[in-house]
């Protein structure tokens, strides 16, 4: 196993440990109502778009071999994921539509200040930190924490595990 493969493996394991914390276990007990699912689906589109911006900044700060790993990961996100036949943004719009929220409604959604602040921080961090810090930060922050309602705490996206692959 190469240095970067080992690094990615360790980062994935560390970032997935968040699901074992009492806070995340408690959030998994929150009942997912249709209203919360709609709120989540609409915000997931924005979260996905922000993450693509953030990973672009991270990619600019790491060595060539790591850029390739990020690029490969981002192909599913930006171009087409063979599992869904489309890029992730398009798939998220489809999910919102299936829950009764049109693309126009999602695009006109007004995000609250806390969400916007988190998005700005996510893209500022990799532009201002040296070396591997942005990569480490974004691998651990790849836990999707979109709130289920305007007054609910964040929740992981479907209990999905983080995984960057070399």
N, C-alpha and C. Protein backbone atom coordinates (compact mmCIF):
# COMPACT_ATOMS: atom_id res chain seq x y z
N UNK A 1 0.85 -1.17 0.00
CA UNK A 1 0.00 0.00 0.00
C UNK A 1 0.90 1.24 0.00
N UNK A 2 0.63 2.17 -0.91
CA UNK A 2 1.43 3.38 -1.01
C UNK A 2 1.15 4.30 0.18
N UNK A 3 2.01 5.29 0.34
CA UNK A 3 1.84 6.27 1.41
C UNK A 3 0.47 6.93 1.32
N UNK A 4 0.07 7.35 0.12
CA UNK A 4 -1.20 8.07 -0.03
C UNK A 4 -2.39 7.14 0.16
N UNK A 5 -2.28 5.89 -0.27
CA UNK A 5 -3.36 4.94 -0.04
C UNK A 5 -3.55 4.72 1.46
N UNK A 6 -2.43 4.59 2.18
CA UNK A 6 -2.50 4.40 3.62
C UNK A 6 -3.08 5.66 4.29
N UNK A 7 -2.63 6.82 3.84
CA UNK A 7 -3.14 8.08 4.38
C UNK A 7 -4.65 8.19 4.18
N UNK A 8 -5.12 7.90 2.97
CA UNK A 8 -6.56 7.98 2.68
C UNK A 8 -7.34 6.98 3.52
N UNK A 9 -6.81 5.78 3.67
CA UNK A 9 -7.47 4.77 4.47
C UNK A 9 -7.62 5.24 5.92
N UNK A 10 -6.55 5.77 6.48
CA UNK A 10 -6.59 6.26 7.86
C UNK A 10 -7.53 7.45 8.00
N UNK A 11 -7.52 8.36 7.02
CA UNK A 11 -8.41 9.52 7.08
C UNK A 11 -9.87 9.08 6.99
N UNK A 12 -10.16 8.12 6.11
CA UNK A 12 -11.53 7.62 6.00
C UNK A 12 -12.00 7.01 7.33
N UNK A 13 -11.13 6.21 7.94
CA UNK A 13 -11.52 5.60 9.22
C UNK A 13 -11.75 6.65 10.29
N UNK A 14 -10.85 7.60 10.40
CA UNK A 14 -11.01 8.65 11.40
C UNK A 14 -12.27 9.48 11.17
N UNK A 15 -12.54 9.83 9.93
CA UNK A 15 -13.71 10.66 9.66
C UNK A 15 -15.01 9.90 9.87
N UNK A 16 -14.99 8.58 9.71
CA UNK A 16 -16.20 7.80 9.92
C UNK A 16 -16.50 7.56 11.39
N UNK A 17 -15.55 7.77 12.25
CA UNK A 17 -15.77 7.57 13.68
C UNK A 17 -16.83 8.52 14.24
N UNK A 18 -17.11 9.61 13.53
CA UNK A 18 -18.12 10.56 14.01
C UNK A 18 -19.48 9.88 14.15
N UNK A 19 -19.74 8.87 13.32
CA UNK A 19 -21.02 8.17 13.39
C UNK A 19 -21.17 7.37 14.68
N UNK A 20 -20.08 7.13 15.39
CA UNK A 20 -20.11 6.36 16.63
C UNK A 20 -20.30 7.23 17.86
N UNK A 21 -20.32 8.55 17.69
CA UNK A 21 -20.45 9.45 18.83
C UNK A 21 -21.89 9.47 19.34
N UNK A 22 -22.08 9.76 20.61
CA UNK A 22 -23.45 9.82 21.15
C UNK A 22 -24.32 10.84 20.42
N UNK A 23 -23.71 11.95 19.98
CA UNK A 23 -24.49 12.98 19.29
C UNK A 23 -25.08 12.45 17.98
N UNK A 24 -24.27 11.75 17.20
CA UNK A 24 -24.78 11.23 15.93
C UNK A 24 -25.73 10.06 16.14
N UNK A 25 -25.48 9.24 17.16
CA UNK A 25 -26.41 8.15 17.46
C UNK A 25 -27.77 8.72 17.85
N UNK A 26 -27.76 9.82 18.60
CA UNK A 26 -29.00 10.48 18.98
C UNK A 26 -29.72 11.04 17.76
N UNK A 27 -28.96 11.63 16.84
CA UNK A 27 -29.58 12.19 15.64
C UNK A 27 -30.19 11.12 14.76
N UNK A 28 -29.63 9.93 14.78
CA UNK A 28 -30.20 8.84 14.00
C UNK A 28 -31.57 8.42 14.50
N UNK A 29 -31.90 8.82 15.72
CA UNK A 29 -33.21 8.49 16.28
C UNK A 29 -34.29 9.51 15.90
N UNK A 30 -33.90 10.63 15.29
CA UNK A 30 -34.88 11.63 14.87
C UNK A 30 -35.75 11.04 13.75
N UNK A 31 -37.05 11.12 13.92
CA UNK A 31 -37.97 10.57 12.93
C UNK A 31 -37.92 11.42 11.65
N UNK A 32 -37.72 10.77 10.53
CA UNK A 32 -37.65 11.46 9.24
C UNK A 32 -39.06 11.56 8.65
N UNK A 33 -39.70 12.71 8.87
CA UNK A 33 -41.03 12.96 8.32
C UNK A 33 -40.89 13.42 6.87
N UNK A 34 -41.97 13.46 6.14
CA UNK A 34 -41.93 13.94 4.76
C UNK A 34 -41.49 15.40 4.71
N UNK A 35 -41.92 16.19 5.69
CA UNK A 35 -41.50 17.60 5.74
C UNK A 35 -39.99 17.72 5.93
N UNK A 36 -39.43 16.92 6.83
CA UNK A 36 -37.99 16.93 7.04
C UNK A 36 -37.24 16.40 5.82
N UNK A 37 -37.79 15.40 5.19
CA UNK A 37 -37.15 14.85 3.98
C UNK A 37 -37.11 15.90 2.88
N UNK A 38 -38.18 16.67 2.72
CA UNK A 38 -38.20 17.74 1.71
C UNK A 38 -37.18 18.82 2.04
N UNK A 39 -37.15 19.24 3.29
CA UNK A 39 -36.19 20.24 3.73
C UNK A 39 -34.76 19.75 3.46
N UNK A 40 -34.52 18.53 3.84
CA UNK A 40 -33.20 17.92 3.64
C UNK A 40 -32.83 17.85 2.16
N UNK A 41 -33.75 17.37 1.33
CA UNK A 41 -33.47 17.21 -0.10
C UNK A 41 -33.14 18.55 -0.76
N UNK A 42 -33.87 19.60 -0.41
CA UNK A 42 -33.61 20.91 -1.00
C UNK A 42 -32.23 21.43 -0.58
N UNK A 43 -31.90 21.27 0.68
CA UNK A 43 -30.60 21.73 1.15
C UNK A 43 -29.45 20.86 0.66
N UNK A 44 -29.71 19.60 0.40
CA UNK A 44 -28.66 18.69 -0.08
C UNK A 44 -28.08 19.17 -1.40
N UNK A 45 -28.92 19.77 -2.26
CA UNK A 45 -28.43 20.29 -3.54
C UNK A 45 -27.37 21.37 -3.28
N UNK A 46 -27.67 22.29 -2.38
CA UNK A 46 -26.72 23.38 -2.07
C UNK A 46 -25.47 22.84 -1.40
N UNK A 47 -25.65 21.89 -0.50
CA UNK A 47 -24.50 21.30 0.17
C UNK A 47 -23.58 20.65 -0.87
N UNK A 48 -24.17 19.92 -1.81
CA UNK A 48 -23.37 19.26 -2.85
C UNK A 48 -22.62 20.28 -3.69
N UNK A 49 -23.27 21.35 -4.09
CA UNK A 49 -22.60 22.37 -4.91
C UNK A 49 -21.45 23.01 -4.13
N UNK A 50 -21.66 23.28 -2.85
CA UNK A 50 -20.61 23.86 -2.02
C UNK A 50 -19.43 22.91 -1.88
N UNK A 51 -19.71 21.64 -1.69
CA UNK A 51 -18.63 20.67 -1.54
C UNK A 51 -17.78 20.58 -2.81
N UNK A 52 -18.40 20.70 -3.97
CA UNK A 52 -17.63 20.67 -5.21
C UNK A 52 -16.68 21.85 -5.26
N UNK A 53 -17.15 23.03 -4.85
CA UNK A 53 -16.27 24.20 -4.78
C UNK A 53 -15.13 23.97 -3.80
N UNK A 54 -15.47 23.46 -2.63
CA UNK A 54 -14.45 23.23 -1.59
C UNK A 54 -13.39 22.24 -2.06
N UNK A 55 -13.81 21.13 -2.66
CA UNK A 55 -12.83 20.14 -3.10
C UNK A 55 -11.93 20.70 -4.20
N UNK A 56 -12.45 21.61 -5.01
CA UNK A 56 -11.60 22.26 -6.01
C UNK A 56 -10.49 23.05 -5.36
N UNK A 57 -10.81 23.75 -4.27
CA UNK A 57 -9.78 24.49 -3.54
C UNK A 57 -8.78 23.56 -2.87
N UNK A 58 -9.29 22.46 -2.30
CA UNK A 58 -8.39 21.48 -1.67
C UNK A 58 -7.44 20.93 -2.73
N UNK A 59 -7.97 20.61 -3.88
CA UNK A 59 -7.16 20.03 -4.95
C UNK A 59 -6.00 20.94 -5.32
N UNK A 60 -6.22 22.24 -5.24
CA UNK A 60 -5.17 23.18 -5.58
C UNK A 60 -4.03 23.24 -4.57
N UNK A 61 -4.21 22.63 -3.40
CA UNK A 61 -3.19 22.76 -2.35
C UNK A 61 -2.39 21.48 -2.09
N UNK A 62 -2.67 20.43 -2.84
CA UNK A 62 -2.03 19.14 -2.53
C UNK A 62 -1.11 18.69 -3.67
N UNK A 63 -0.23 17.73 -3.39
CA UNK A 63 0.68 17.22 -4.44
C UNK A 63 -0.07 16.55 -5.59
N UNK A 64 0.63 16.40 -6.69
CA UNK A 64 0.08 15.88 -7.95
C UNK A 64 -0.67 14.56 -7.77
N UNK A 65 -0.05 13.59 -7.08
CA UNK A 65 -0.69 12.28 -6.91
C UNK A 65 -2.02 12.38 -6.17
N UNK A 66 -2.09 13.28 -5.20
CA UNK A 66 -3.32 13.45 -4.44
C UNK A 66 -4.37 14.17 -5.29
N UNK A 67 -3.93 15.12 -6.13
CA UNK A 67 -4.85 15.78 -7.06
C UNK A 67 -5.58 14.74 -7.91
N UNK A 68 -4.84 13.72 -8.36
CA UNK A 68 -5.44 12.67 -9.19
C UNK A 68 -6.52 11.91 -8.44
N UNK A 69 -6.27 11.62 -7.17
CA UNK A 69 -7.25 10.90 -6.35
C UNK A 69 -8.52 11.74 -6.21
N UNK A 70 -8.35 13.02 -5.91
CA UNK A 70 -9.51 13.90 -5.77
C UNK A 70 -10.24 14.02 -7.11
N UNK A 71 -9.51 14.18 -8.19
CA UNK A 71 -10.12 14.30 -9.52
C UNK A 71 -10.99 13.08 -9.81
N UNK A 72 -10.44 11.90 -9.55
CA UNK A 72 -11.18 10.67 -9.81
C UNK A 72 -12.46 10.62 -8.97
N UNK A 73 -12.36 11.02 -7.70
CA UNK A 73 -13.53 11.05 -6.82
C UNK A 73 -14.58 12.03 -7.36
N UNK A 74 -14.13 13.16 -7.85
CA UNK A 74 -15.05 14.20 -8.30
C UNK A 74 -15.73 13.87 -9.63
N UNK A 75 -15.20 12.93 -10.40
CA UNK A 75 -15.85 12.57 -11.67
C UNK A 75 -17.29 12.11 -11.45
N UNK A 76 -17.52 11.26 -10.45
CA UNK A 76 -18.88 10.83 -10.15
C UNK A 76 -19.75 12.02 -9.77
N UNK A 77 -19.18 12.93 -8.99
CA UNK A 77 -19.94 14.07 -8.50
C UNK A 77 -20.32 15.04 -9.63
N UNK A 78 -19.36 15.34 -10.50
CA UNK A 78 -19.54 16.42 -11.48
C UNK A 78 -19.95 15.97 -12.88
N UNK A 79 -19.57 14.76 -13.27
CA UNK A 79 -19.80 14.34 -14.65
C UNK A 79 -20.91 13.30 -14.72
N UNK A 80 -20.64 12.11 -14.18
CA UNK A 80 -21.68 11.08 -14.18
C UNK A 80 -21.27 9.95 -13.26
N UNK A 81 -22.17 9.61 -12.36
CA UNK A 81 -21.98 8.47 -11.48
C UNK A 81 -22.65 7.28 -12.15
N UNK A 82 -21.88 6.25 -12.50
CA UNK A 82 -22.48 5.11 -13.21
C UNK A 82 -23.60 4.44 -12.41
N UNK A 83 -23.61 4.60 -11.10
CA UNK A 83 -24.66 3.99 -10.29
C UNK A 83 -26.00 4.69 -10.49
N UNK A 84 -25.99 5.98 -10.86
CA UNK A 84 -27.24 6.71 -11.02
C UNK A 84 -27.45 7.27 -12.42
N UNK A 85 -26.41 7.16 -13.26
CA UNK A 85 -26.53 7.62 -14.63
C UNK A 85 -26.52 9.13 -14.81
N UNK A 86 -26.09 9.85 -13.81
CA UNK A 86 -26.04 11.32 -13.91
C UNK A 86 -25.08 11.83 -12.84
N UNK A 87 -24.77 13.13 -12.92
CA UNK A 87 -23.95 13.75 -11.87
C UNK A 87 -24.78 13.85 -10.59
N UNK A 88 -24.12 14.04 -9.48
CA UNK A 88 -24.81 14.04 -8.19
C UNK A 88 -25.78 15.20 -8.02
N UNK A 89 -25.46 16.35 -8.58
CA UNK A 89 -26.39 17.49 -8.47
C UNK A 89 -27.71 17.15 -9.17
N UNK A 90 -27.62 16.58 -10.37
CA UNK A 90 -28.84 16.19 -11.09
C UNK A 90 -29.62 15.14 -10.31
N UNK A 91 -28.91 14.18 -9.73
CA UNK A 91 -29.58 13.15 -8.94
C UNK A 91 -30.26 13.75 -7.71
N UNK A 92 -29.63 14.75 -7.09
CA UNK A 92 -30.24 15.40 -5.94
C UNK A 92 -31.49 16.20 -6.34
N UNK A 93 -31.45 16.84 -7.50
CA UNK A 93 -32.66 17.52 -7.99
C UNK A 93 -33.78 16.50 -8.23
N UNK A 94 -33.44 15.33 -8.77
CA UNK A 94 -34.45 14.28 -8.96
C UNK A 94 -35.03 13.82 -7.64
N UNK A 95 -34.17 13.69 -6.64
CA UNK A 95 -34.65 13.27 -5.32
C UNK A 95 -35.62 14.30 -4.75
N UNK A 96 -35.26 15.57 -4.85
CA UNK A 96 -36.16 16.63 -4.37
C UNK A 96 -37.49 16.58 -5.12
N UNK A 97 -37.43 16.41 -6.44
CA UNK A 97 -38.64 16.34 -7.25
C UNK A 97 -39.53 15.17 -6.83
N UNK A 98 -38.90 14.03 -6.54
CA UNK A 98 -39.67 12.86 -6.10
C UNK A 98 -40.38 13.12 -4.77
N UNK A 99 -39.85 14.05 -3.99
CA UNK A 99 -40.45 14.41 -2.72
C UNK A 99 -41.42 15.58 -2.85
N UNK A 100 -41.61 16.08 -4.09
CA UNK A 100 -42.58 17.14 -4.33
C UNK A 100 -42.01 18.54 -4.35
N UNK A 101 -40.71 18.67 -4.51
CA UNK A 101 -40.07 19.99 -4.57
C UNK A 101 -39.45 20.15 -5.96
N UNK A 102 -39.90 21.12 -6.71
CA UNK A 102 -39.40 21.32 -8.07
C UNK A 102 -38.00 21.91 -8.06
N UNK A 103 -37.32 21.80 -9.19
CA UNK A 103 -36.00 22.40 -9.31
C UNK A 103 -36.09 23.91 -9.09
N UNK A 104 -37.12 24.54 -9.61
CA UNK A 104 -37.31 25.98 -9.42
C UNK A 104 -37.45 26.34 -7.95
N UNK A 105 -38.18 25.53 -7.20
CA UNK A 105 -38.34 25.79 -5.77
C UNK A 105 -37.00 25.65 -5.04
N UNK A 106 -36.23 24.63 -5.42
CA UNK A 106 -34.92 24.45 -4.80
C UNK A 106 -34.02 25.64 -5.13
N UNK A 107 -34.03 26.05 -6.40
CA UNK A 107 -33.16 27.15 -6.83
C UNK A 107 -33.54 28.48 -6.19
N UNK A 108 -34.79 28.64 -5.79
CA UNK A 108 -35.21 29.90 -5.16
C UNK A 108 -35.17 29.84 -3.63
N UNK A 109 -34.70 28.74 -3.09
CA UNK A 109 -34.60 28.58 -1.64
C UNK A 109 -33.65 29.61 -1.06
N UNK A 110 -34.08 30.26 0.02
CA UNK A 110 -33.23 31.22 0.71
C UNK A 110 -32.56 30.50 1.88
N UNK A 111 -31.25 30.35 1.79
CA UNK A 111 -30.51 29.67 2.84
C UNK A 111 -30.31 30.59 4.04
N UNK A 112 -30.36 30.01 5.24
CA UNK A 112 -30.18 30.86 6.41
C UNK A 112 -28.70 31.21 6.60
N UNK A 113 -28.46 32.20 7.45
CA UNK A 113 -27.11 32.74 7.63
C UNK A 113 -26.13 31.68 8.15
N UNK A 114 -26.58 30.79 9.01
CA UNK A 114 -25.70 29.75 9.54
C UNK A 114 -25.21 28.80 8.46
N UNK A 115 -26.11 28.43 7.56
CA UNK A 115 -25.74 27.55 6.45
C UNK A 115 -24.74 28.27 5.54
N UNK A 116 -25.02 29.51 5.20
CA UNK A 116 -24.12 30.27 4.34
C UNK A 116 -22.75 30.45 4.98
N UNK A 117 -22.72 30.68 6.28
CA UNK A 117 -21.45 30.84 6.99
C UNK A 117 -20.64 29.55 6.92
N UNK A 118 -21.29 28.43 7.15
CA UNK A 118 -20.59 27.14 7.07
C UNK A 118 -20.05 26.91 5.66
N UNK A 119 -20.83 27.25 4.66
CA UNK A 119 -20.38 27.08 3.27
C UNK A 119 -19.16 27.96 2.99
N UNK A 120 -19.19 29.21 3.45
CA UNK A 120 -18.05 30.10 3.21
C UNK A 120 -16.80 29.60 3.94
N UNK A 121 -16.97 29.13 5.16
CA UNK A 121 -15.84 28.59 5.90
C UNK A 121 -15.24 27.39 5.16
N UNK A 122 -16.10 26.53 4.63
CA UNK A 122 -15.63 25.35 3.92
C UNK A 122 -14.75 25.69 2.73
N UNK A 123 -15.04 26.78 2.06
CA UNK A 123 -14.24 27.16 0.90
C UNK A 123 -13.08 28.08 1.26
N UNK A 124 -13.14 28.76 2.40
CA UNK A 124 -12.05 29.62 2.82
C UNK A 124 -10.91 28.81 3.40
N UNK A 125 -11.22 27.80 4.18
CA UNK A 125 -10.20 26.99 4.85
C UNK A 125 -9.14 26.47 3.89
N UNK A 126 -9.50 25.80 2.79
CA UNK A 126 -8.44 25.24 1.94
C UNK A 126 -7.60 26.29 1.23
N UNK A 127 -8.10 27.50 1.10
CA UNK A 127 -7.32 28.54 0.43
C UNK A 127 -6.33 29.19 1.38
N UNK A 128 -6.50 28.95 2.69
CA UNK A 128 -5.66 29.65 3.66
C UNK A 128 -4.76 28.74 4.49
N UNK A 129 -4.89 27.43 4.33
CA UNK A 129 -4.12 26.49 5.15
C UNK A 129 -3.06 25.79 4.31
N UNK A 130 -1.91 25.51 4.91
CA UNK A 130 -0.82 24.89 4.15
C UNK A 130 -0.91 23.38 4.06
N UNK A 131 -0.20 22.83 3.10
CA UNK A 131 0.03 21.38 3.01
C UNK A 131 -1.22 20.53 2.97
N UNK A 132 -1.20 19.49 3.78
CA UNK A 132 -2.28 18.51 3.79
C UNK A 132 -3.44 18.91 4.69
N UNK A 133 -3.34 20.03 5.41
CA UNK A 133 -4.42 20.41 6.31
C UNK A 133 -5.78 20.52 5.61
N UNK A 134 -5.87 21.14 4.43
CA UNK A 134 -7.17 21.19 3.77
C UNK A 134 -7.71 19.80 3.42
N UNK A 135 -6.84 18.91 3.00
CA UNK A 135 -7.28 17.55 2.66
C UNK A 135 -7.80 16.83 3.90
N UNK A 136 -7.08 16.93 4.99
CA UNK A 136 -7.51 16.30 6.24
C UNK A 136 -8.83 16.89 6.72
N UNK A 137 -8.94 18.20 6.65
CA UNK A 137 -10.17 18.87 7.07
C UNK A 137 -11.35 18.42 6.24
N UNK A 138 -11.20 18.41 4.93
CA UNK A 138 -12.34 18.09 4.07
C UNK A 138 -12.68 16.62 4.05
N UNK A 139 -11.74 15.76 4.29
CA UNK A 139 -12.08 14.36 4.40
C UNK A 139 -12.90 14.13 5.66
N UNK A 140 -12.52 14.76 6.76
CA UNK A 140 -13.30 14.59 7.99
C UNK A 140 -14.62 15.35 7.91
N UNK A 141 -14.65 16.46 7.17
CA UNK A 141 -15.86 17.26 7.06
C UNK A 141 -16.78 16.73 5.98
N UNK A 142 -16.38 15.70 5.29
CA UNK A 142 -17.20 15.13 4.24
C UNK A 142 -18.43 14.43 4.79
N UNK A 143 -18.55 14.40 6.12
CA UNK A 143 -19.76 13.92 6.74
C UNK A 143 -20.82 14.97 6.44
N UNK A 144 -21.84 14.60 5.74
CA UNK A 144 -22.84 15.58 5.32
C UNK A 144 -23.74 15.92 6.49
N UNK A 145 -23.74 17.18 6.87
CA UNK A 145 -24.49 17.62 8.04
C UNK A 145 -25.49 18.70 7.66
N UNK A 146 -26.53 18.29 6.98
CA UNK A 146 -27.57 19.22 6.57
C UNK A 146 -28.71 19.10 7.58
N UNK A 147 -29.21 20.21 8.13
CA UNK A 147 -30.27 20.12 9.12
C UNK A 147 -31.56 19.59 8.50
N UNK A 148 -32.36 18.88 9.32
CA UNK A 148 -33.62 18.31 8.84
C UNK A 148 -34.78 19.29 8.93
N UNK A 149 -34.62 20.37 9.64
CA UNK A 149 -35.62 21.43 9.68
C UNK A 149 -34.90 22.70 10.11
N UNK A 150 -35.57 23.81 10.04
CA UNK A 150 -34.89 25.06 10.36
C UNK A 150 -34.47 25.14 11.82
N UNK A 151 -35.06 24.32 12.69
CA UNK A 151 -34.67 24.37 14.10
C UNK A 151 -34.09 23.04 14.58
N UNK A 152 -33.74 22.15 13.67
CA UNK A 152 -33.19 20.85 14.06
C UNK A 152 -31.67 20.84 13.94
N UNK A 153 -31.02 20.02 14.74
CA UNK A 153 -29.56 19.91 14.62
C UNK A 153 -29.18 19.19 13.34
N UNK A 154 -27.92 19.28 12.92
CA UNK A 154 -27.49 18.59 11.71
C UNK A 154 -27.60 17.07 11.85
N UNK A 155 -27.62 16.38 10.72
CA UNK A 155 -27.73 14.92 10.70
C UNK A 155 -26.90 14.40 9.54
N UNK A 156 -26.25 13.25 9.70
CA UNK A 156 -25.48 12.70 8.58
C UNK A 156 -26.40 12.25 7.46
N UNK A 157 -25.92 12.32 6.26
CA UNK A 157 -26.70 11.95 5.08
C UNK A 157 -26.86 10.44 5.03
N UNK A 158 -28.01 9.95 5.43
CA UNK A 158 -28.33 8.55 5.31
C UNK A 158 -27.34 7.61 5.99
N UNK A 159 -26.61 8.10 6.96
CA UNK A 159 -25.63 7.26 7.62
C UNK A 159 -24.51 6.83 6.70
N UNK A 160 -24.34 7.55 5.61
CA UNK A 160 -23.33 7.19 4.61
C UNK A 160 -21.94 7.32 5.20
N UNK A 161 -21.10 6.40 4.88
CA UNK A 161 -19.73 6.46 5.33
C UNK A 161 -18.89 7.25 4.32
N UNK A 162 -17.94 7.98 4.82
CA UNK A 162 -17.01 8.73 3.96
C UNK A 162 -16.08 7.76 3.29
N UNK A 163 -15.71 8.05 2.06
CA UNK A 163 -14.76 7.19 1.41
C UNK A 163 -14.13 7.89 0.22
N UNK A 164 -12.87 8.22 0.35
CA UNK A 164 -12.07 8.64 -0.79
C UNK A 164 -11.30 7.41 -1.23
N UNK A 165 -11.25 7.16 -2.50
CA UNK A 165 -10.54 6.00 -3.01
C UNK A 165 -9.39 6.44 -3.86
N UNK A 166 -8.28 5.71 -3.76
CA UNK A 166 -7.11 6.04 -4.59
C UNK A 166 -7.24 5.39 -5.94
